Amino acid sequence: MSVFERPIVMLDFETTGLSPDMGDRITEVAALRIVGGQITERYVSLVNCGVRIPSFITQLTGITQDMVDSAPSAGRVVPELLDFIGGDMLSAHNASFDEKFLKAEGWRCGRQTGHSGLVCSLKLSRRLFPGMPSYKLGNLSSRLGIEFRGTAHRAEADAEVAAEVLLHAARHLGRTCGIDQVAPDLLVTVNKLAAAKVPVFLDKFASLERERRAVPRAA
């Protein structure tokens, strides 16, 4: 199954804290382009933002001060990252967190973001897989039978698992709605719905798809 009608870029940042407004910066980035149903390209880098890495961040991620001090500068990484994303749809697990850092880092280097929309794999999972005990990436992926193949709280490993969660959700959505390829805009729409309204919306969408396929094509 091709899964996606258009490319989506899965993004994950490791950071020094929770808020760029409080001076927190990125320490590592992974951006994975999903085309159809496969990861086809990736941009991965540690980032030197010229800031101190808190000890609790090193304990959580394994990213040390020496690692970022010897990494490429944010002035180099962020423009390369924005060029990589381009105008594709963007996704992340808890996407508002990663997007706010992307916008803040872009602003610092005089660049605006160009992605065409935002899909949150966490919100999407809440709506398509209700009743899970946890929607944290590690717990959710385990419940969905997705193997965590790298080190948690490192950007590339987290982005890979989040990409698999997004693909799993899209395949589920495709089966539910009877469609072979899922438009990223449909994911955005489901993201924005209140959870209680999702089943009715999907039933109506599936019904419209059945009607569309039943209409004979003109010769």
C-alpha atoms as a PDB file:
ATOM      1  CA  MET A   1       0.000   0.000   0.000  1.00  0.00           C
ATOM      2  CA  SER A   2       1.414   3.380  -1.009  1.00  0.00           C
ATOM      3  CA  VAL A   3      -0.222   4.941   2.110  1.00  0.00           C
ATOM      4  CA  PHE A   4       0.416   8.637   1.514  1.00  0.00           C
ATOM      5  CA  GLU A   5      -0.765  10.601  -1.490  1.00  0.00           C
ATOM      6  CA  ARG A   6       1.949  13.243  -0.970  1.00  0.00           C
ATOM      7  CA  PRO A   7       5.241  13.334   0.985  1.00  0.00           C
ATOM      8  CA  ILE A   8       5.308  14.031   4.713  1.00  0.00           C
ATOM      9  CA  VAL A   9       8.405  14.970   6.723  1.00  0.00           C
ATOM     10  CA  MET A  10       8.582  13.534  10.245  1.00  0.00           C
ATOM     11  CA  LEU A  11      10.528  15.864  12.550  1.00  0.00           C
ATOM     12  CA  ASP A  12      12.061  15.360  15.964  1.00  0.00           C
ATOM     13  CA  PHE A  13      14.188  17.733  18.025  1.00  0.00           C
ATOM     14  CA  GLU A  14      16.178  17.155  21.164  1.00  0.00           C
ATOM     15  CA  THR A  15      16.404  20.404  23.116  1.00  0.00           C
ATOM     16  CA  THR A  16      17.846  21.977  26.262  1.00  0.00           C
ATOM     17  CA  GLY A  17      14.356  22.493  27.700  1.00  0.00           C
ATOM     18  CA  LEU A  18      10.699  22.993  26.934  1.00  0.00           C
ATOM     19  CA  SER A  19      10.404  26.574  25.691  1.00  0.00           C
ATOM     20  CA  PRO A  20      12.331  28.591  23.103  1.00  0.00           C
ATOM     21  CA  ASP A  21      10.708  31.682  24.639  1.00  0.00           C
ATOM     22  CA  MET A  22      12.703  30.917  27.800  1.00  0.00           C
ATOM     23  CA  GLY A  23      15.948  30.620  25.863  1.00  0.00           C
ATOM     24  CA  ASP A  24      15.918  26.868  25.267  1.00  0.00           C
ATOM     25  CA  ARG A  25      17.638  25.697  22.078  1.00  0.00           C
ATOM     26  CA  ILE A  26      17.853  22.598  19.913  1.00  0.00           C
ATOM     27  CA  THR A  27      20.697  20.119  20.415  1.00  0.00           C
ATOM     28  CA  GLU A  28      19.824  17.511  17.778  1.00  0.00           C
ATOM     29  CA  VAL A  29      17.480  17.196  14.817  1.00  0.00           C
ATOM     30  CA  ALA A  30      16.153  14.382  12.662  1.00  0.00           C
ATOM     31  CA  ALA A  31      13.878  14.969   9.678  1.00  0.00           C
ATOM     32  CA  LEU A  32      12.702  11.919   7.721  1.00  0.00           C
ATOM     33  CA  ARG A  33      10.837  12.253   4.430  1.00  0.00           C
ATOM     34  CA  ILE A  34       8.090   9.647   3.968  1.00  0.00           C
ATOM     35  CA  VAL A  35       7.117   9.058   0.357  1.00  0.00           C
ATOM     36  CA  GLY A  36       4.293   6.595  -0.247  1.00  0.00           C
ATOM     37  CA  GLY A  37       4.889   4.236   2.647  1.00  0.00           C
ATOM     38  CA  GLN A  38       8.680   4.434   2.987  1.00  0.00           C
ATOM     39  CA  ILE A  39      11.296   6.712   4.510  1.00  0.00           C
ATOM     40  CA  THR A  40      13.226   7.835   1.433  1.00  0.00           C
ATOM     41  CA  GLU A  41      15.449  10.667   2.711  1.00  0.00           C
ATOM     42  CA  ARG A  42      16.740  11.868   6.045  1.00  0.00           C
ATOM     43  CA  TYR A  43      18.483  14.887   7.519  1.00  0.00           C
ATOM     44  CA  VAL A  44      20.114  14.174  10.898  1.00  0.00           C
ATOM     45  CA  SER A  45      22.558  16.307  12.869  1.00  0.00           C
ATOM     46  CA  LEU A  46      23.669  17.358  16.302  1.00  0.00           C
ATOM     47  CA  VAL A  47      23.493  21.142  16.675  1.00  0.00           C
ATOM     48  CA  ASN A  48      25.845  23.612  18.325  1.00  0.00           C
ATOM     49  CA  CYS A  49      23.690  26.491  19.549  1.00  0.00           C
ATOM     50  CA  GLY A  50      26.402  27.873  21.815  1.00  0.00           C
ATOM     51  CA  VAL A  51      24.485  27.060  24.990  1.00  0.00           C
ATOM     52  CA  ARG A  52      25.091  24.953  28.075  1.00  0.00           C
ATOM     53  CA  ILE A  53      23.552  21.481  28.134  1.00  0.00           C
ATOM     54  CA  PRO A  54      21.792  20.915  31.479  1.00  0.00           C
ATOM     55  CA  SER A  55      22.920  17.785  33.290  1.00  0.00           C
ATOM     56  CA  PHE A  56      19.388  16.358  33.350  1.00  0.00           C
ATOM     57  CA  ILE A  57      19.255  16.633  29.539  1.00  0.00           C
ATOM     58  CA  THR A  58      22.510  14.699  29.266  1.00  0.00           C
ATOM     59  CA  GLN A  59      21.091  12.047  31.603  1.00  0.00           C
ATOM     60  CA  LEU A  60      17.883  11.839  29.548  1.00  0.00           C
ATOM     61  CA  THR A  61      19.354  11.882  26.050  1.00  0.00           C
ATOM     62  CA  GLY A  62      23.006  10.978  26.384  1.00  0.00           C
ATOM     63  CA  ILE A  63      23.891  14.185  24.507  1.00  0.00           C
ATOM     64  CA  THR A  64      26.903  15.784  26.186  1.00  0.00           C
ATOM     65  CA  GLN A  65      28.406  19.250  26.073  1.00  0.00           C
ATOM     66  CA  ASP A  66      31.400  17.969  24.128  1.00  0.00           C
ATOM     67  CA  MET A  67      29.082  16.422  21.511  1.00  0.00           C
ATOM     68  CA  VAL A  68      27.296  19.694  20.753  1.00  0.00           C
ATOM     69  CA  ASP A  69      30.420  21.843  21.058  1.00  0.00           C
ATOM     70  CA  SER A  70      31.951  19.887  18.166  1.00  0.00           C
ATOM     71  CA  ALA A  71      28.712  19.788  16.129  1.00  0.00           C
ATOM     72  CA  PRO A  72      27.791  22.054  13.191  1.00  0.00           C
ATOM     73  CA  SER A  73      26.401  25.437  14.206  1.00  0.00           C
ATOM     74  CA  ALA A  74      22.705  26.248  14.267  1.00  0.00           C
ATOM     75  CA  GLY A  75      23.452  28.863  11.606  1.00  0.00           C
ATOM     76  CA  ARG A  76      24.363  26.034   9.266  1.00  0.00           C
ATOM     77  CA  VAL A  77      21.958  23.292  10.400  1.00  0.00           C
ATOM     78  CA  VAL A  78      18.705  25.260  10.542  1.00  0.00           C
ATOM     79  CA  PRO A  79      18.830  26.617   6.951  1.00  0.00           C
ATOM     80  CA  GLU A  80      19.761  23.137   5.714  1.00  0.00           C
ATOM     81  CA  LEU A  81      16.842  21.689   7.676  1.00  0.00           C
ATOM     82  CA  LEU A  82      14.370  24.251   6.320  1.00  0.00           C
ATOM     83  CA  ASP A  83      15.603  23.566   2.792  1.00  0.00           C
ATOM     84  CA  PHE A  84      15.145  19.828   3.393  1.00  0.00           C
ATOM     85  CA  ILE A  85      11.558  20.243   4.630  1.00  0.00           C
ATOM     86  CA  GLY A  86      10.680  22.688   1.855  1.00  0.00           C
ATOM     87  CA  GLY A  87       6.945  22.929   1.272  1.00  0.00           C
ATOM     88  CA  ASP A  88       6.051  19.389   2.329  1.00  0.00           C
ATOM     89  CA  MET A  89       3.582  18.553   5.080  1.00  0.00           C
ATOM     90  CA  LEU A  90       5.312  18.356   8.479  1.00  0.00           C
ATOM     91  CA  SER A  91       4.606  15.864  11.255  1.00  0.00           C
ATOM     92  CA  ALA A  92       5.914  15.221  14.763  1.00  0.00           C
ATOM     93  CA  HIS A  93       4.814  13.446  17.917  1.00  0.00           C
ATOM     94  CA  ASN A  94       3.443  16.317  20.030  1.00  0.00           C
ATOM     95  CA  ALA A  95       3.913  18.450  16.951  1.00  0.00           C
ATOM     96  CA  SER A  96       3.278  21.869  18.489  1.00  0.00           C
ATOM     97  CA  PHE A  97       6.458  21.413  20.567  1.00  0.00           C
ATOM     98  CA  ASP A  98       8.698  20.729  17.573  1.00  0.00           C
ATOM     99  CA  GLU A  99       7.049  23.350  15.376  1.00  0.00           C
ATOM    100  CA  LYS A 100       7.561  26.124  17.907  1.00  0.00           C
ATOM    101  CA  PHE A 101      11.276  25.287  18.101  1.00  0.00           C
ATOM    102  CA  LEU A 102      11.495  25.119  14.303  1.00  0.00           C
ATOM    103  CA  LYS A 103       9.906  28.557  13.975  1.00  0.00           C
ATOM    104  CA  ALA A 104      12.069  30.018  16.751  1.00  0.00           C
ATOM    105  CA  GLU A 105      15.290  28.686  15.272  1.00  0.00           C
ATOM    106  CA  GLY A 106      14.219  29.846  11.813  1.00  0.00           C
ATOM    107  CA  TRP A 107      13.548  33.326  13.172  1.00  0.00           C
ATOM    108  CA  ARG A 108      17.028  33.421  14.725  1.00  0.00           C
ATOM    109  CA  CYS A 109      18.641  32.848  11.339  1.00  0.00           C
ATOM    110  CA  GLY A 110      16.232  35.055   9.402  1.00  0.00           C
ATOM    111  CA  ARG A 111      14.273  32.257   7.755  1.00  0.00           C
ATOM    112  CA  GLN A 112      10.557  31.485   7.745  1.00  0.00           C
ATOM    113  CA  THR A 113       9.200  27.966   7.756  1.00  0.00           C
ATOM    114  CA  GLY A 114       7.654  26.783   4.504  1.00  0.00           C
ATOM    115  CA  HIS A 115       5.847  23.553   5.395  1.00  0.00           C
ATOM    116  CA  SER A 116       2.342  23.259   3.988  1.00  0.00           C
ATOM    117  CA  GLY A 117       0.659  21.965   7.154  1.00  0.00           C
ATOM    118  CA  LEU A 118       1.182  20.143  10.437  1.00  0.00           C
ATOM    119  CA  VAL A 119       0.106  16.652  11.535  1.00  0.00           C
ATOM    120  CA  CYS A 120       0.520  15.592  15.154  1.00  0.00           C
ATOM    121  CA  SER A 121       0.971  11.826  15.400  1.00  0.00           C
ATOM    122  CA  LEU A 122       0.115  11.992  19.115  1.00  0.00           C
ATOM    123  CA  LYS A 123      -3.246  13.740  18.548  1.00  0.00           C
ATOM    124  CA  LEU A 124      -3.960  11.513  15.569  1.00  0.00           C
ATOM    125  CA  SER A 125      -3.348   8.398  17.678  1.00  0.00           C
ATOM    126  CA  ARG A 126      -5.657   9.691  20.422  1.00  0.00           C
ATOM    127  CA  ARG A 127      -8.429  10.029  17.854  1.00  0.00           C
ATOM    128  CA  LEU A 128      -7.871   6.805  15.906  1.00  0.00           C
ATOM    129  CA  PHE A 129      -6.814   4.526  18.789  1.00  0.00           C
ATOM    130  CA  PRO A 130      -8.882   5.654  21.786  1.00  0.00           C
ATOM    131  CA  GLY A 131      -8.464   3.986  25.144  1.00  0.00           C
ATOM    132  CA  MET A 132      -4.702   3.458  25.076  1.00  0.00           C
ATOM    133  CA  PRO A 133      -3.166   3.638  28.571  1.00  0.00           C
ATOM    134  CA  SER A 134      -0.504   6.063  27.324  1.00  0.00           C
ATOM    135  CA  TYR A 135       0.218   8.029  24.166  1.00  0.00           C
ATOM    136  CA  LYS A 136       3.866   8.680  24.952  1.00  0.00           C
ATOM    137  CA  LEU A 137       5.883   7.575  21.955  1.00  0.00           C
ATOM    138  CA  GLY A 138       7.596   4.579  23.552  1.00  0.00           C
ATOM    139  CA  ASN A 139       4.461   3.266  25.251  1.00  0.00           C
ATOM    140  CA  LEU A 140       2.237   3.856  22.230  1.00  0.00           C
ATOM    141  CA  SER A 141       4.595   2.231  19.747  1.00  0.00           C
ATOM    142  CA  SER A 142       4.886  -0.807  21.988  1.00  0.00           C
ATOM    143  CA  ARG A 143       1.102  -1.177  22.199  1.00  0.00           C
ATOM    144  CA  LEU A 144       0.876  -0.898  18.407  1.00  0.00           C
ATOM    145  CA  GLY A 145       3.537  -3.586  17.935  1.00  0.00           C
ATOM    146  CA  ILE A 146       6.144  -1.168  16.566  1.00  0.00           C
ATOM    147  CA  GLU A 147       9.717  -1.945  17.551  1.00  0.00           C
ATOM    148  CA  PHE A 148      11.903   0.833  18.951  1.00  0.00           C
ATOM    149  CA  ARG A 149      15.135   0.088  17.096  1.00  0.00           C
ATOM    150  CA  GLY A 150      17.354   2.874  18.430  1.00  0.00           C
ATOM    151  CA  THR A 151      17.935   4.819  21.635  1.00  0.00           C
ATOM    152  CA  ALA A 152      14.906   6.642  22.994  1.00  0.00           C
ATOM    153  CA  HIS A 153      15.273  10.410  23.382  1.00  0.00           C
ATOM    154  CA  ARG A 154      17.666  10.620  20.458  1.00  0.00           C
ATOM    155  CA  ALA A 155      16.244  12.465  17.486  1.00  0.00           C
ATOM    156  CA  GLU A 156      16.695   9.901  14.717  1.00  0.00           C
ATOM    157  CA  ALA A 157      15.392   6.949  16.724  1.00  0.00           C
ATOM    158  CA  ASP A 158      12.374   8.918  17.950  1.00  0.00           C
ATOM    159  CA  ALA A 159      11.622  10.218  14.454  1.00  0.00           C
ATOM    160  CA  GLU A 160      11.800   6.711  12.967  1.00  0.00           C
ATOM    161  CA  VAL A 161       9.356   5.318  15.513  1.00  0.00           C
ATOM    162  CA  ALA A 162       7.057   8.326  15.139  1.00  0.00           C
ATOM    163  CA  ALA A 163       7.112   7.785  11.361  1.00  0.00           C
ATOM    164  CA  GLU A 164       6.049   4.162  11.866  1.00  0.00           C
ATOM    165  CA  VAL A 165       3.247   5.291  14.208  1.00  0.00           C
ATOM    166  CA  LEU A 166       2.073   7.776  11.573  1.00  0.00           C
ATOM    167  CA  LEU A 167       2.143   5.111   8.852  1.00  0.00           C
ATOM    168  CA  HIS A 168       0.263   2.699  11.129  1.00  0.00           C
ATOM    169  CA  ALA A 169      -2.390   5.373  11.758  1.00  0.00           C
ATOM    170  CA  ALA A 170      -2.661   6.178   8.054  1.00  0.00           C
ATOM    171  CA  ARG A 171      -3.103   2.513   7.102  1.00  0.00           C
ATOM    172  CA  HIS A 172      -5.811   2.210   9.760  1.00  0.00           C
ATOM    173  CA  LEU A 173      -7.484   5.329   8.379  1.00  0.00           C
ATOM    174  CA  GLY A 174      -7.245   3.986   4.831  1.00  0.00           C
ATOM    175  CA  ARG A 175      -8.886   0.701   5.800  1.00  0.00           C
ATOM    176  CA  THR A 176     -11.597   2.478   7.777  1.00  0.00           C
ATOM    177  CA  CYS A 177     -12.438   4.848   4.934  1.00  0.00           C
ATOM    178  CA  GLY A 178     -11.874   2.389   2.096  1.00  0.00           C
ATOM    179  CA  ILE A 179      -9.173   4.449   0.391  1.00  0.00           C
ATOM    180  CA  ASP A 180      -5.867   3.280  -1.061  1.00  0.00           C
ATOM    181  CA  GLN A 181      -3.949   6.487  -0.451  1.00  0.00           C
ATOM    182  CA  VAL A 182      -4.400   8.938   2.407  1.00  0.00           C
ATOM    183  CA  ALA A 183      -4.101  12.644   1.634  1.00  0.00           C
ATOM    184  CA  PRO A 184      -2.102  14.470   4.318  1.00  0.00           C
ATOM    185  CA  ASP A 185      -4.935  17.014   4.472  1.00  0.00           C
ATOM    186  CA  LEU A 186      -7.238  14.258   5.745  1.00  0.00           C
ATOM    187  CA  LEU A 187      -4.824  13.648   8.632  1.00  0.00           C
ATOM    188  CA  VAL A 188      -4.896  17.367   9.425  1.00  0.00           C
ATOM    189  CA  THR A 189      -8.700  17.342   9.420  1.00  0.00           C
ATOM    190  CA  VAL A 190      -8.886  14.364  11.801  1.00  0.00           C
ATOM    191  CA  ASN A 191      -6.282  16.056  14.024  1.00  0.00           C
ATOM    192  CA  LYS A 192      -8.505  19.109  14.399  1.00  0.00           C
ATOM    193  CA  LEU A 193     -11.700  17.239  15.221  1.00  0.00           C
ATOM    194  CA  ALA A 194     -12.881  16.692  18.748  1.00  0.00           C
ATOM    195  CA  ALA A 195     -12.286  13.025  19.583  1.00  0.00           C
ATOM    196  CA  ALA A 196     -16.009  12.343  20.045  1.00  0.00           C
ATOM    197  CA  LYS A 197     -16.743  13.545  16.485  1.00  0.00           C
ATOM    198  CA  VAL A 198     -14.161  11.357  14.738  1.00  0.00           C
ATOM    199  CA  PRO A 199     -16.252   8.138  14.345  1.00  0.00           C
ATOM    200  CA  VAL A 200     -19.162  10.042  12.741  1.00  0.00           C
ATOM    201  CA  PHE A 201     -16.800  11.943  10.450  1.00  0.00           C
ATOM    202  CA  LEU A 202     -15.044   8.752   9.311  1.00  0.00           C
ATOM    203  CA  ASP A 203     -18.357   6.964   8.697  1.00  0.00           C
ATOM    204  CA  LYS A 204     -19.544   9.868   6.537  1.00  0.00           C
ATOM    205  CA  PHE A 205     -16.198  10.062   4.704  1.00  0.00           C
ATOM    206  CA  ALA A 206     -16.249   6.305   4.006  1.00  0.00           C
ATOM    207  CA  SER A 207     -19.828   6.545   2.728  1.00  0.00           C
ATOM    208  CA  LEU A 208     -18.901   9.357   0.346  1.00  0.00           C
ATOM    209  CA  GLU A 209     -15.934   7.317  -0.913  1.00  0.00           C
ATOM    210  CA  ARG A 210     -18.201   4.344  -1.624  1.00  0.00           C
ATOM    211  CA  GLU A 211     -20.604   6.590  -3.527  1.00  0.00           C
ATOM    212  CA  ARG A 212     -17.749   8.129  -5.501  1.00  0.00           C
ATOM    213  CA  ARG A 213     -16.410   4.742  -6.563  1.00  0.00           C
ATOM    214  CA  ALA A 214     -19.881   3.569  -7.520  1.00  0.00           C
ATOM    215  CA  VAL A 215     -20.368   6.378 -10.048  1.00  0.00           C
ATOM    216  CA  PRO A 216     -19.405   5.094 -13.538  1.00  0.00           C
ATOM    217  CA  ARG A 217     -16.602   6.997 -15.185  1.00  0.00           C
ATOM    218  CA  ALA A 218     -17.380   8.748 -18.448  1.00  0.00           C
ATOM    219  CA  ALA A 219     -16.008   7.008 -21.516  1.00  0.00           C
END
